Protein backbone atom coordinates (compact mmCIF):
# COMPACT_ATOMS: atom_id res chain seq x y z
CA MET A 1 0.00 0.00 0.00
CA LYS A 2 2.83 2.41 0.87
CA LYS A 3 4.43 1.68 -2.49
CA ILE A 4 1.20 2.67 -4.26
CA LEU A 5 1.02 5.88 -2.22
CA PHE A 6 4.63 6.64 -3.17
CA TRP A 7 3.88 6.19 -6.87
CA TRP A 8 0.72 8.30 -6.52
CA SER A 9 2.71 11.03 -4.78
CA GLU A 10 5.31 10.97 -7.56
CA LEU A 11 2.54 11.10 -10.20
CA LYS A 12 0.89 14.12 -8.56
CA SER A 13 4.23 15.93 -8.44
CA THR A 14 4.84 15.60 -12.20
CA PHE A 15 4.53 18.79 -14.23
CA TRP A 16 1.71 17.59 -16.46
CA PHE A 17 -0.61 16.10 -13.80
CA VAL A 18 -2.39 19.30 -12.73
CA PRO A 19 -2.71 20.75 -16.28
CA ALA A 20 -4.05 17.41 -17.54
CA PHE A 21 -6.57 17.31 -14.70
CA ILE A 22 -7.73 20.88 -15.41
CA ILE A 23 -8.05 20.11 -19.12
CA PHE A 24 -10.18 17.08 -18.25
CA ILE A 25 -12.42 19.34 -16.13
CA GLY A 26 -12.71 21.78 -19.05
CA ILE A 27 -13.77 19.04 -21.45
CA SER A 28 -16.27 17.72 -18.92
CA LEU A 29 -17.75 21.18 -18.37
CA ALA A 30 -18.08 21.74 -22.12
CA ILE A 31 -20.01 18.51 -22.55
CA GLY A 32 -22.10 19.08 -19.43
CA LEU A 33 -23.06 22.68 -20.18
CA VAL A 34 -23.89 21.95 -23.81
CA TYR A 35 -26.11 19.10 -22.63
CA TRP A 36 -27.78 21.51 -20.19
CA ASP A 37 -28.28 24.09 -22.95
CA SER A 38 -29.81 21.48 -25.23
CA ASN A 39 -32.40 20.54 -22.60
CA ALA A 40 -33.05 23.90 -20.94
CA GLU A 41 -35.86 26.07 -22.21
CA PHE A 42 -34.39 29.46 -21.46
CA ASP A 43 -35.34 32.60 -23.35
CA PRO A 44 -33.57 35.64 -21.92
CA SER A 45 -35.58 38.83 -21.80
CA GLY A 46 -35.20 42.30 -20.43
CA THR A 47 -31.75 43.61 -19.55
CA ILE A 48 -30.29 40.13 -19.04
CA LYS A 49 -30.67 39.30 -22.74
CA PHE A 50 -27.82 41.68 -23.55
CA PHE A 51 -25.41 39.37 -21.68
CA PHE A 52 -26.17 36.40 -23.91
CA PRO A 53 -25.42 35.99 -27.62
CA GLY A 54 -28.42 36.87 -29.75
CA SER A 55 -27.49 34.79 -32.79
CA PRO A 56 -25.32 31.81 -33.78
CA ASP A 57 -22.86 34.15 -35.49
CA ALA A 58 -22.48 36.18 -32.29
CA ALA A 59 -21.86 33.01 -30.28
CA LYS A 60 -19.28 31.84 -32.81
CA GLY A 61 -17.57 35.23 -32.75
CA ILE A 62 -17.33 35.26 -28.95
CA LEU A 63 -16.01 31.71 -28.73
CA THR A 64 -13.54 32.26 -31.57
CA THR A 65 -12.19 35.44 -29.95
CA ILE A 66 -11.79 33.79 -26.55
CA ALA A 67 -10.14 30.68 -28.00
CA ALA A 68 -7.64 32.74 -30.01
CA ALA A 69 -6.85 34.95 -27.02
CA MET A 70 -6.41 31.99 -24.65
CA ILE A 71 -4.00 30.09 -26.88
CA GLY A 72 -2.02 33.29 -27.44
CA VAL A 73 -1.79 34.02 -23.72
CA ALA A 74 -0.94 30.36 -23.06
CA GLY A 75 2.07 30.79 -25.33
CA THR A 76 3.06 33.89 -23.37
CA VAL A 77 2.71 32.02 -20.09
CA PHE A 78 4.89 29.21 -21.43
CA SER A 79 7.52 31.78 -22.47
CA ILE A 80 7.49 33.47 -19.06
CA THR A 81 7.81 30.10 -17.36
CA LEU A 82 10.79 29.13 -19.51
CA VAL A 83 12.50 32.44 -18.75
CA ALA A 84 11.96 31.89 -15.02
CA LEU A 85 13.31 28.35 -15.30
CA THR A 86 16.40 29.61 -17.13
CA LEU A 87 17.08 32.26 -14.50
CA ALA A 88 16.55 29.79 -11.67
CA SER A 89 18.80 27.21 -13.29
CA ASN A 90 21.64 29.68 -13.83
CA GLN A 91 21.45 31.36 -10.43
CA PHE A 92 20.34 28.60 -8.07
CA GLY A 93 21.24 25.35 -9.84
CA PRO A 94 19.52 22.99 -12.28
CA ARG A 95 18.28 20.70 -9.50
CA LEU A 96 15.99 23.48 -8.29
CA VAL A 97 14.18 23.57 -11.64
CA LYS A 98 11.95 20.78 -10.33
CA ASN A 99 10.70 23.12 -7.60
CA PHE A 100 9.44 25.52 -10.27
CA MET A 101 7.97 22.70 -12.32
CA TYR A 102 6.11 21.40 -9.27
CA ASP A 103 4.73 24.83 -8.37
CA ARG A 104 0.94 24.53 -8.28
CA ILE A 105 0.28 28.08 -9.41
CA ASN A 106 2.40 27.67 -12.54
CA GLN A 107 0.74 24.36 -13.34
CA THR A 108 -2.75 25.72 -12.68
CA VAL A 109 -2.26 28.78 -14.90
CA LEU A 110 -0.94 26.75 -17.82
CA GLY A 111 -3.70 24.17 -17.44
CA THR A 112 -6.45 26.79 -17.15
CA TYR A 113 -5.56 28.63 -20.36
CA VAL A 114 -5.22 25.47 -22.42
CA SER A 115 -8.38 24.06 -20.85
CA LEU A 116 -10.44 27.14 -21.77
CA PHE A 117 -9.07 27.01 -25.32
CA ILE A 118 -10.20 23.39 -25.69
CA TYR A 119 -13.52 24.24 -24.01
CA CYS A 120 -14.22 26.97 -26.56
CA LEU A 121 -13.37 24.65 -29.47
CA ILE A 122 -15.80 22.01 -28.24
CA VAL A 123 -18.62 24.48 -27.62
CA LEU A 124 -17.93 26.26 -30.91
CA ASN A 125 -18.46 23.00 -32.74
CA THR A 126 -21.94 22.65 -31.25
CA VAL A 127 -23.22 26.02 -32.47
CA LYS A 128 -25.62 25.29 -35.35
CA ASP A 129 -27.25 27.63 -37.85
CA THR A 130 -28.77 25.60 -40.65
CA GLY A 131 -32.17 25.52 -42.26
CA GLU A 132 -33.12 22.47 -40.26
CA MET A 133 -31.67 23.50 -36.90
CA GLN A 134 -30.54 26.50 -34.94
CA PHE A 135 -28.73 25.95 -31.63
CA ILE A 136 -27.09 28.58 -29.44
CA PRO A 137 -25.50 27.22 -26.23
CA LEU A 138 -26.33 30.28 -24.12
CA PHE A 139 -25.02 29.11 -20.76
CA SER A 140 -21.92 27.58 -22.32
CA VAL A 141 -21.00 30.87 -24.00
CA ALA A 142 -21.76 32.83 -20.83
CA PHE A 143 -19.49 30.52 -18.84
CA ALA A 144 -16.71 31.04 -21.41
CA LEU A 145 -17.05 34.82 -20.95
CA LEU A 146 -16.80 34.52 -17.16
CA MET A 147 -13.75 32.27 -17.40
CA ALA A 148 -12.07 34.68 -19.84
CA ILE A 149 -12.46 37.48 -17.27
CA ALA A 150 -11.18 35.19 -14.50
CA ASN A 151 -8.17 34.25 -16.62
CA ILE A 152 -7.20 37.89 -17.04
CA VAL A 153 -7.07 38.19 -13.26
CA LEU A 154 -5.17 34.88 -13.12
CA LEU A 155 -2.58 36.26 -15.55
CA ILE A 156 -1.90 39.19 -13.20
CA VAL A 157 -1.54 36.77 -10.28
CA PHE A 158 0.79 34.59 -12.34
CA ILE A 159 3.11 37.46 -13.33
CA HIS A 160 3.33 38.60 -9.71
CA HIS A 161 4.01 35.03 -8.56
CA VAL A 162 6.79 34.49 -11.10
CA ALA A 163 8.42 37.79 -10.17
CA THR A 164 8.33 36.74 -6.52
CA SER A 165 9.31 33.10 -6.99
CA ILE A 166 12.70 33.84 -8.58
CA GLN A 167 13.83 35.93 -5.61
CA ALA A 168 16.49 34.26 -3.48
CA ASP A 169 14.73 34.85 -0.15
CA PHE A 170 11.48 33.36 -1.46
CA ILE A 171 13.22 30.26 -2.82
CA ILE A 172 15.24 29.73 0.34
CA GLY A 173 12.14 30.20 2.52
CA ASN A 174 10.19 27.77 0.36
CA ILE A 175 12.91 25.12 0.58
CA SER A 176 13.22 25.71 4.32
CA ALA A 177 9.48 25.16 4.76
CA LYS A 178 9.68 21.92 2.77
CA LEU A 179 12.70 20.84 4.82
CA SER A 180 10.89 21.50 8.09
CA HIS A 181 7.83 19.62 6.85
CA ASN A 182 9.97 16.73 5.65
CA LEU A 183 11.87 16.46 8.94
CA THR A 184 8.66 16.63 10.96
CA ARG A 185 7.16 13.83 8.87
CA LEU A 186 10.21 11.55 8.81
CA PHE A 187 11.24 11.65 12.47
CA PRO A 188 10.76 9.37 14.18
CA GLN A 189 11.12 7.12 11.15
CA ASP A 190 8.88 4.08 10.97
CA MET A 191 10.02 0.65 9.79
CA GLY A 192 8.65 -1.92 12.18
CA ASP A 193 9.00 -1.02 15.86
CA GLY A 194 12.18 0.85 16.71
CA ALA A 195 14.12 -0.49 19.70
CA GLU A 196 15.71 2.47 21.45
CA GLN A 197 17.29 0.36 24.15
CA TYR A 198 17.89 -2.88 22.32
CA GLN A 199 20.08 -4.95 24.60
CA GLN A 200 21.15 -7.96 22.55
CA ASP A 201 24.30 -7.72 20.45
CA PRO A 202 23.33 -7.82 16.74
CA GLU A 203 26.44 -9.90 16.07
CA GLN A 204 25.03 -12.62 18.31
CA VAL A 205 21.78 -12.47 16.35
CA LYS A 206 23.71 -12.96 13.10
CA GLU A 207 25.58 -15.94 14.57
CA GLY A 208 22.25 -17.57 15.36
CA TYR A 209 21.55 -18.08 11.66
CA ALA A 210 23.14 -20.86 9.64
CA ALA A 211 23.66 -19.01 6.35
CA SER A 212 24.18 -15.52 5.01
CA GLN A 213 23.68 -14.14 1.51
CA VAL A 214 24.41 -10.81 -0.11
CA LEU A 215 21.37 -8.88 -1.29
CA THR A 216 22.52 -7.00 -4.38
CA CYS A 217 20.97 -3.91 -5.90
CA GLY A 218 18.83 -4.45 -8.99
CA PHE A 219 19.01 -0.97 -10.49
CA ASP A 220 21.29 1.98 -11.27
CA GLY A 221 20.27 5.22 -9.62
CA TYR A 222 19.20 6.76 -6.33
CA LEU A 223 17.43 4.70 -3.71
CA GLN A 224 14.17 6.61 -3.55
CA TYR A 225 11.89 4.56 -1.35
CA ILE A 226 11.78 1.47 0.86
CA ASP A 227 8.41 -0.19 1.34
CA SER A 228 9.05 -0.73 5.04
CA ASP A 229 5.82 -2.50 5.99
CA ALA A 230 6.02 -5.03 3.15
CA LEU A 231 9.73 -5.62 3.77
CA MET A 232 9.19 -6.21 7.50
CA LYS A 233 6.34 -8.60 6.77
CA MET A 234 8.45 -10.54 4.28
CA VAL A 235 11.52 -10.97 6.52
CA SER A 236 9.26 -12.00 9.42
CA GLU A 237 7.48 -14.63 7.35
CA LYS A 238 10.77 -16.08 6.12
CA ASP A 239 12.32 -15.88 9.63
CA VAL A 240 15.44 -14.00 8.45
CA PHE A 241 17.51 -11.06 9.62
CA LEU A 242 18.29 -8.29 7.14
CA GLU A 243 21.22 -5.90 7.52
CA LEU A 244 20.96 -2.84 5.25
CA TYR A 245 23.98 -0.86 4.10
CA HIS A 246 22.21 2.08 2.45
CA ARG A 247 19.31 4.44 3.10
CA PRO A 248 17.04 6.49 0.78
CA GLY A 249 19.08 9.15 -0.99
CA SER A 250 22.12 6.92 -1.60
CA TYR A 251 23.28 6.40 -5.16
CA LEU A 252 23.49 2.70 -6.01
CA VAL A 253 24.95 0.74 -8.89
CA ARG A 254 23.44 -2.46 -10.18
CA GLY A 255 25.11 -5.39 -8.43
CA LEU A 256 26.30 -3.30 -5.47
CA GLU A 257 25.71 -4.81 -2.02
CA LEU A 258 22.40 -3.45 -0.81
CA GLY A 259 22.58 -5.48 2.37
CA LYS A 260 23.06 -8.97 3.75
CA VAL A 261 20.42 -11.56 4.58
CA TYR A 262 20.94 -13.99 7.47
CA ALA A 263 18.75 -17.11 7.39
CA ASN A 264 18.63 -20.73 8.58
CA LYS A 265 18.75 -21.93 4.99
CA THR A 266 19.98 -20.63 1.69
CA LEU A 267 17.30 -18.52 0.03
CA GLU A 268 16.36 -19.03 -3.60
CA GLU A 269 17.10 -16.25 -6.06
CA GLU A 270 13.36 -15.72 -6.48
CA GLU A 271 13.07 -14.99 -2.77
CA LEU A 272 15.89 -12.45 -2.95
CA ASP A 273 14.22 -10.88 -5.98
CA GLY A 274 11.08 -10.56 -3.88
CA MET A 275 13.03 -8.54 -1.33
CA ARG A 276 14.52 -6.32 -4.04
CA GLN A 277 11.02 -5.37 -5.17
CA HIS A 278 10.58 -3.39 -1.96
CA PHE A 279 13.47 -1.06 -2.85
CA LEU A 280 12.51 1.54 -5.44
CA GLY A 281 15.13 3.46 -7.41
CA GLY A 282 15.22 6.28 -9.92
CA LYS A 283 17.44 8.83 -11.61
CA THR A 284 16.66 11.64 -9.16
CA ARG A 285 16.37 12.01 -5.40
CA THR A 286 12.92 12.37 -3.86
CA PRO A 287 11.91 13.86 -0.50
CA GLN A 288 9.54 11.07 0.58
CA GLN A 289 12.11 9.24 2.74
CA ASP A 290 15.25 11.27 2.08
CA ALA A 291 15.72 13.74 4.94
CA GLU A 292 18.80 15.28 3.31
CA HIS A 293 17.09 16.06 -0.01
CA ALA A 294 16.06 19.63 0.83
CA ILE A 295 19.29 20.18 2.79
CA HIS A 296 21.35 19.54 -0.33
CA GLN A 297 19.15 21.95 -2.29
CA MET A 298 19.81 24.66 0.28
CA VAL A 299 23.53 23.90 0.28
CA GLU A 300 23.62 24.13 -3.52
CA ILE A 301 22.13 27.64 -3.38
CA ALA A 302 24.73 28.69 -0.81
CA ALA A 303 27.57 27.13 -2.81
CA ARG A 304 26.55 28.96 -5.99
CA ALA A 305 26.17 32.21 -4.08
CA LEU A 306 29.74 31.84 -2.81
CA SER A 307 31.20 31.14 -6.25
CA PRO A 308 33.50 33.86 -7.67
CA GLY A 309 31.11 34.52 -10.53
CA VAL A 310 28.17 35.33 -8.22
CA ASN A 311 29.85 36.46 -4.97
CA ASP A 312 26.61 36.87 -2.98
CA PRO A 313 27.43 36.16 0.68
CA TYR A 314 24.03 37.40 1.91
CA THR A 315 22.24 34.57 0.12
CA ALA A 316 24.65 32.10 1.70
CA ILE A 317 24.02 33.67 5.12
CA SER A 318 20.27 33.30 4.59
CA CYS A 319 20.80 29.60 3.80
CA ILE A 320 22.83 29.15 6.98
CA ASP A 321 20.10 30.82 9.06
CA ASN A 322 17.39 28.55 7.67
CA LEU A 323 19.53 25.43 8.06
CA SER A 324 20.21 26.42 11.67
CA SER A 325 16.47 26.59 12.32
CA SER A 326 15.92 23.08 10.94
CA LEU A 327 18.87 21.63 12.86
CA ALA A 328 17.64 23.26 16.06
CA TYR A 329 14.45 21.28 15.62
CA LEU A 330 16.45 18.08 15.17
CA THR A 331 17.99 18.54 18.60
CA THR A 332 14.52 18.05 20.10
CA ILE A 333 13.50 14.86 18.33
CA ARG A 334 14.35 11.21 18.83
CA PHE A 335 16.37 9.84 15.93
CA PRO A 336 15.26 6.37 14.82
CA SER A 337 17.05 3.32 16.06
CA PRO A 338 18.85 1.18 13.47
CA TYR A 339 17.29 -1.92 15.09
CA ARG A 340 13.78 -2.78 13.91
CA LEU A 341 11.66 -5.43 15.61
CA ASP A 342 8.64 -7.29 14.32
CA GLU A 343 5.37 -7.70 16.21
CA SER A 344 6.78 -10.56 18.30
CA GLY A 345 9.75 -8.46 19.42
CA THR A 346 12.30 -10.30 17.29
CA LEU A 347 15.08 -8.27 15.69
CA ARG A 348 14.52 -8.44 11.93
CA ILE A 349 16.20 -5.42 10.32
CA GLN A 350 19.32 -3.43 11.06
CA ALA A 351 18.91 -0.27 9.01
CA ASP A 352 21.32 2.43 7.95
CA VAL A 353 19.83 5.47 9.70
CA LEU A 354 20.60 9.15 9.74
CA SER A 355 22.29 10.71 12.76
CA PHE A 356 22.46 14.29 14.02
CA GLU A 357 26.13 14.47 13.10
CA GLY A 358 25.33 13.20 9.61
CA VAL A 359 22.79 15.98 9.11
CA MET A 360 25.31 18.53 10.41
CA ASN A 361 27.89 17.28 7.92
CA ALA A 362 25.41 17.47 5.03
CA ALA A 363 24.33 20.99 5.99
CA PHE A 364 27.61 22.74 6.80
CA ASN A 365 30.61 20.92 5.34
CA SER A 366 30.19 22.14 1.77
CA ILE A 367 29.22 25.66 2.81
CA ARG A 368 32.31 25.94 5.02
CA GLN A 369 34.53 24.67 2.21
CA PHE A 370 33.12 27.20 -0.28
CA ALA A 371 33.26 30.07 2.25
CA LYS A 372 37.07 30.26 2.39
CA GLY A 373 37.17 33.76 0.94
CA SER A 374 34.15 35.18 2.77
CA PRO A 375 34.80 36.13 6.40
CA SER A 376 31.20 37.27 6.93
CA VAL A 377 29.88 33.83 6.00
CA ILE A 378 32.44 32.10 8.23
CA ILE A 379 31.44 34.33 11.14
CA ARG A 380 27.77 33.52 10.55
CA LEU A 381 28.67 29.82 10.47
CA MET A 382 30.23 30.18 13.90
CA GLU A 383 27.15 32.05 15.12
CA ALA A 384 25.05 29.12 13.89
CA MET A 385 27.23 26.77 15.93
CA VAL A 386 26.70 28.96 19.01
CA THR A 387 22.94 28.81 18.51
CA LEU A 388 22.90 25.05 17.97
CA ASN A 389 25.12 24.52 21.00
CA LYS A 390 22.42 26.18 23.12
CA PHE A 391 19.80 23.78 21.75
CA ALA A 392 21.96 20.63 21.91
CA ARG A 393 20.71 18.24 24.57
CA THR A 394 22.88 15.15 24.32
CA ASP A 395 26.63 14.67 24.42
CA GLU A 396 26.50 13.40 20.83
CA GLN A 397 24.83 16.60 19.65
CA LYS A 398 27.22 18.85 21.58
CA GLU A 399 30.21 16.95 20.21
CA ALA A 400 28.92 17.28 16.64
CA VAL A 401 28.43 21.04 17.08
CA ARG A 402 31.86 21.44 18.69
CA LYS A 403 33.46 19.48 15.85
CA HIS A 404 32.07 21.87 13.24
CA ALA A 405 32.99 24.88 15.36
CA VAL A 406 36.61 23.68 15.52
CA MET A 407 36.73 23.16 11.74
CA THR A 408 35.31 26.65 11.19
CA TRP A 409 37.84 28.14 13.62
CA ASN A 410 40.73 26.34 11.92
CA LEU A 411 39.60 27.64 8.53
CA ALA A 412 39.37 31.20 9.85
CA LYS A 413 42.88 31.09 11.30
CA LYS A 414 44.22 30.25 7.85
CA LYS A 415 42.07 32.54 5.72
CA PHE A 416 41.34 35.71 7.75
CA ASP A 417 43.61 38.61 6.84
CA GLU A 418 42.18 41.04 9.38
CA GLY A 419 43.12 40.31 12.98
CA ARG A 420 40.01 41.94 14.42
CA ASP A 421 37.78 39.68 12.35
CA LEU A 422 39.59 36.73 13.87
CA GLU A 423 39.16 38.18 17.36
CA ASP A 424 35.46 38.62 16.67
CA LEU A 425 35.20 34.99 15.65
CA GLU A 426 37.20 33.84 18.64
CA VAL A 427 34.70 35.44 21.01
CA ARG A 428 31.96 33.28 19.50
CA PHE A 429 34.16 30.19 19.47
CA LYS A 430 34.88 30.53 23.19
CA LYS A 431 31.14 30.58 23.93
CA ILE A 432 30.93 27.07 22.52
CA ASN A 433 33.89 25.79 24.50
CA GLN A 434 32.48 27.34 27.67
CA GLY A 435 29.08 25.77 27.00
């Protein structure tokens, strides 16, 4: 079931899903309203008659004008979108293009204009003016007029949204919100019942099985998703222990060791293939189970901002601030245990899980390495360490923060030319050591 939900989530996030759905609604409305017009006995009179077409030629003229305008504006919207994608790709990195493609407003605008164009074509085909029959779809034409007015307003909203969405602060804030949502959803991670205080040595568990086999990867690409419920059910039914070497977000090569299976008998290749079916791979990383996905997007923005060609330290500082906020949240949660038990309390899976130090490394290592020539960014990095040190609760968290503070301090001692800048940084560094 989780695998189906994953596929459905991926389908909904594709660029064409929302436009296709809106086009389907437009076709359905055209058929439904024409059917209503064909059965309704409505003869407008008084002032209201001026808002409906008085002849088949008038109806055709209105529909033709709207259809031509909508397809022309749709082309303009496509052009604006491509320009925004080009700017985003050059300034923030090609991997962030997907964020613009997934934007619901962009998808809705494109789908609405194309949908109204198709709607007008369908209704236009139903207008009849022959000797045997005269048919004017009054309500269908009136609806087309209302939608044309609404689309003009939508175009203004779209232009404002595009102008806002290519701003660095907006993009960073959007990624930060997705990161916070992703972290809140993933932690604690669920794959069977986590054993926080599992007492038995996993090596003893492995020795209790008669045979062991390597579970190899069956695809080339990123590990996108693990169907945890189905995998736990399968290893429980076969009475085996599975040790995993990789987690979602890792890049795998076909034939690489995905893990090792410990069993009381040698498993058939078909049984191993059954296990492989619960590991889904693809050419890109996805946020469903990959906690570091949005972190790497944020780091890429900071790295490009610190490149000599861009030289925008304020964007990098904004990335550091947002990453600090997300990492402060991680100090308050319980990271998942690598040991997963089935319903009977038997250890079945030893997973490769994310740690606080691992998230710290993903968030700050690359930024620190690219910030060699930017003292302001290095100072803000140290300030982030001071903040995180205040939130750190466990010795592991404090040690991870102190480790990054030391690396930042060592970098500053080598790269700072101004002694007072170094003194300013040292004041912050001492706060961490004192804490």
